[in-house]
Amino acid sequence: MFGLGTTELLIILALVMIIFGAGKLPQVGGALGKSLRNFKEGVKEGEEDKSGDDPDKIDDNGQSK
């Protein structure tokens, strides 16, 4: 996972605990999960938009049919 070992993950977790505190940790995790979900949905929508543009529907003059 991203080339991070156990030691690095523990250090990152300790820093997050120091910065946000144990009480806010569930909120931070929830916000991170929502952010990732929204990012994935945005990428999916972008791929659908690209696939909707069919190059076969363009005539010789470059106009859409």
N, C-alpha and C. Protein backbone atom coordinates (compact mmCIF):
# COMPACT_ATOMS: atom_id res chain seq x y z
N MET A 1 0.84 -1.18 0.00
CA MET A 1 0.00 0.00 0.00
C MET A 1 0.89 1.24 0.00
N PHE A 2 1.10 1.82 -1.14
CA PHE A 2 1.88 3.04 -1.32
C PHE A 2 3.32 2.91 -0.83
N GLY A 3 3.79 1.70 -0.64
CA GLY A 3 5.16 1.50 -0.20
C GLY A 3 5.41 1.91 1.25
N LEU A 4 4.36 2.01 2.05
CA LEU A 4 4.53 2.38 3.45
C LEU A 4 4.56 1.12 4.31
N GLY A 5 5.52 1.08 5.18
CA GLY A 5 5.63 -0.05 6.09
C GLY A 5 4.84 0.19 7.37
N THR A 6 4.89 -0.77 8.24
CA THR A 6 4.16 -0.69 9.51
C THR A 6 4.65 0.48 10.35
N THR A 7 5.94 0.69 10.40
CA THR A 7 6.50 1.77 11.21
C THR A 7 6.01 3.13 10.72
N GLU A 8 6.03 3.33 9.40
CA GLU A 8 5.58 4.60 8.85
C GLU A 8 4.10 4.84 9.13
N LEU A 9 3.29 3.79 9.00
CA LEU A 9 1.86 3.93 9.27
C LEU A 9 1.61 4.27 10.74
N LEU A 10 2.35 3.68 11.64
CA LEU A 10 2.20 3.98 13.07
C LEU A 10 2.59 5.42 13.37
N ILE A 11 3.64 5.90 12.73
CA ILE A 11 4.06 7.29 12.93
C ILE A 11 2.99 8.25 12.41
N ILE A 12 2.44 7.95 11.24
CA ILE A 12 1.38 8.80 10.68
C ILE A 12 0.16 8.79 11.58
N LEU A 13 -0.22 7.62 12.08
CA LEU A 13 -1.36 7.52 12.99
C LEU A 13 -1.11 8.32 14.26
N ALA A 14 0.08 8.25 14.80
CA ALA A 14 0.41 9.01 16.01
C ALA A 14 0.32 10.51 15.75
N LEU A 15 0.81 10.97 14.61
CA LEU A 15 0.72 12.38 14.28
C LEU A 15 -0.73 12.84 14.12
N VAL A 16 -1.54 12.01 13.49
CA VAL A 16 -2.96 12.34 13.33
C VAL A 16 -3.63 12.42 14.68
N MET A 17 -3.31 11.50 15.57
CA MET A 17 -3.90 11.52 16.92
C MET A 17 -3.48 12.78 17.68
N ILE A 18 -2.24 13.20 17.51
CA ILE A 18 -1.76 14.41 18.19
C ILE A 18 -2.45 15.65 17.63
N ILE A 19 -2.58 15.72 16.32
CA ILE A 19 -3.16 16.90 15.68
C ILE A 19 -4.66 17.01 15.95
N PHE A 20 -5.40 15.93 15.72
CA PHE A 20 -6.86 15.98 15.79
C PHE A 20 -7.42 15.50 17.12
N GLY A 21 -6.69 14.69 17.83
CA GLY A 21 -7.20 14.14 19.09
C GLY A 21 -8.07 12.93 18.84
N ALA A 22 -8.24 12.12 19.86
CA ALA A 22 -8.99 10.87 19.71
C ALA A 22 -10.47 11.12 19.48
N GLY A 23 -11.00 12.21 20.02
CA GLY A 23 -12.42 12.50 19.88
C GLY A 23 -12.83 12.85 18.46
N LYS A 24 -11.96 13.51 17.73
CA LYS A 24 -12.29 13.95 16.37
C LYS A 24 -11.90 12.92 15.31
N LEU A 25 -11.23 11.87 15.70
CA LEU A 25 -10.75 10.88 14.74
C LEU A 25 -11.88 10.26 13.91
N PRO A 26 -13.03 9.87 14.50
CA PRO A 26 -14.12 9.33 13.67
C PRO A 26 -14.65 10.34 12.65
N GLN A 27 -14.70 11.62 13.04
CA GLN A 27 -15.16 12.65 12.10
C GLN A 27 -14.18 12.81 10.95
N VAL A 28 -12.90 12.77 11.25
CA VAL A 28 -11.89 12.90 10.21
C VAL A 28 -11.96 11.71 9.26
N GLY A 29 -12.14 10.52 9.80
CA GLY A 29 -12.27 9.33 8.96
C GLY A 29 -13.50 9.39 8.08
N GLY A 30 -14.61 9.85 8.64
CA GLY A 30 -15.84 9.97 7.86
C GLY A 30 -15.70 10.98 6.74
N ALA A 31 -15.06 12.11 7.04
CA ALA A 31 -14.85 13.13 6.01
C ALA A 31 -13.93 12.62 4.91
N LEU A 32 -12.91 11.87 5.30
CA LEU A 32 -12.00 11.31 4.30
C LEU A 32 -12.72 10.31 3.41
N GLY A 33 -13.56 9.48 4.00
CA GLY A 33 -14.34 8.51 3.23
C GLY A 33 -15.28 9.18 2.25
N LYS A 34 -15.96 10.24 2.69
CA LYS A 34 -16.87 10.98 1.81
C LYS A 34 -16.09 11.63 0.67
N SER A 35 -14.92 12.15 0.98
CA SER A 35 -14.10 12.78 -0.05
C SER A 35 -13.69 11.78 -1.11
N LEU A 36 -13.25 10.61 -0.69
CA LEU A 36 -12.86 9.58 -1.64
C LEU A 36 -14.05 9.12 -2.49
N ARG A 37 -15.20 8.97 -1.85
CA ARG A 37 -16.41 8.56 -2.58
C ARG A 37 -16.79 9.60 -3.64
N ASN A 38 -16.75 10.88 -3.27
CA ASN A 38 -17.07 11.94 -4.22
C ASN A 38 -16.05 11.99 -5.36
N PHE A 39 -14.78 11.76 -5.04
CA PHE A 39 -13.75 11.74 -6.07
C PHE A 39 -14.00 10.62 -7.06
N LYS A 40 -14.32 9.43 -6.56
CA LYS A 40 -14.59 8.29 -7.44
C LYS A 40 -15.80 8.55 -8.33
N GLU A 41 -16.85 9.15 -7.75
CA GLU A 41 -18.04 9.48 -8.55
C GLU A 41 -17.71 10.50 -9.63
N GLY A 42 -16.87 11.47 -9.30
CA GLY A 42 -16.46 12.47 -10.29
C GLY A 42 -15.67 11.85 -11.42
N VAL A 43 -14.79 10.93 -11.10
CA VAL A 43 -14.00 10.25 -12.13
C VAL A 43 -14.92 9.42 -13.02
N LYS A 44 -15.90 8.75 -12.42
CA LYS A 44 -16.85 7.94 -13.19
C LYS A 44 -17.65 8.81 -14.14
N GLU A 45 -18.12 9.97 -13.65
CA GLU A 45 -18.88 10.89 -14.50
C GLU A 45 -18.03 11.40 -15.64
N GLY A 46 -16.77 11.68 -15.38
CA GLY A 46 -15.86 12.14 -16.43
C GLY A 46 -15.66 11.08 -17.49
N GLU A 47 -15.55 9.83 -17.08
CA GLU A 47 -15.40 8.75 -18.05
C GLU A 47 -16.66 8.56 -18.87
N GLU A 48 -17.83 8.73 -18.24
CA GLU A 48 -19.10 8.61 -18.97
C GLU A 48 -19.24 9.72 -19.99
N ASP A 49 -18.80 10.94 -19.63
CA ASP A 49 -18.86 12.05 -20.57
C ASP A 49 -17.98 11.79 -21.79
N LYS A 50 -16.79 11.26 -21.56
CA LYS A 50 -15.89 10.95 -22.67
C LYS A 50 -16.45 9.85 -23.55
N SER A 51 -17.04 8.83 -22.94
CA SER A 51 -17.56 7.72 -23.73
C SER A 51 -18.81 8.13 -24.49
N GLY A 52 -19.48 9.20 -24.06
CA GLY A 52 -20.67 9.69 -24.75
C GLY A 52 -20.34 10.38 -26.06
N ASP A 53 -19.12 10.85 -26.22
CA ASP A 53 -18.70 11.49 -27.46
C ASP A 53 -18.27 10.42 -28.44
N ASP A 54 -19.15 10.10 -29.40
CA ASP A 54 -18.88 9.05 -30.37
C ASP A 54 -18.24 9.67 -31.61
N PRO A 55 -16.99 9.35 -31.90
CA PRO A 55 -16.33 9.95 -33.06
C PRO A 55 -16.97 9.54 -34.38
N ASP A 56 -17.77 8.47 -34.41
CA ASP A 56 -18.42 8.05 -35.64
C ASP A 56 -19.57 8.96 -36.01
N LYS A 57 -20.02 9.81 -35.08
CA LYS A 57 -21.15 10.69 -35.34
C LYS A 57 -20.71 12.03 -35.91
N ILE A 58 -19.48 12.17 -36.32
CA ILE A 58 -18.98 13.42 -36.88
C ILE A 58 -18.80 13.21 -38.38
N ASP A 59 -19.34 14.16 -39.17
CA ASP A 59 -19.23 14.01 -40.63
C ASP A 59 -17.88 14.52 -41.12
N ASP A 60 -17.69 14.57 -42.42
CA ASP A 60 -16.42 14.94 -43.02
C ASP A 60 -16.04 16.39 -42.75
N ASN A 61 -17.02 17.26 -42.51
CA ASN A 61 -16.76 18.67 -42.25
C ASN A 61 -16.47 18.97 -40.78
N GLY A 62 -16.46 17.94 -39.94
CA GLY A 62 -16.20 18.11 -38.52
C GLY A 62 -17.43 18.50 -37.74
N GLN A 63 -18.58 18.40 -38.34
CA GLN A 63 -19.85 18.73 -37.68
C GLN A 63 -20.48 17.48 -37.09
N SER A 64 -21.15 17.64 -35.96
CA SER A 64 -21.88 16.50 -35.37
C SER A 64 -23.11 16.21 -36.17
N LYS A 65 -23.43 14.96 -36.29
CA LYS A 65 -24.63 14.55 -37.03
C LYS A 65 -25.83 14.55 -36.12
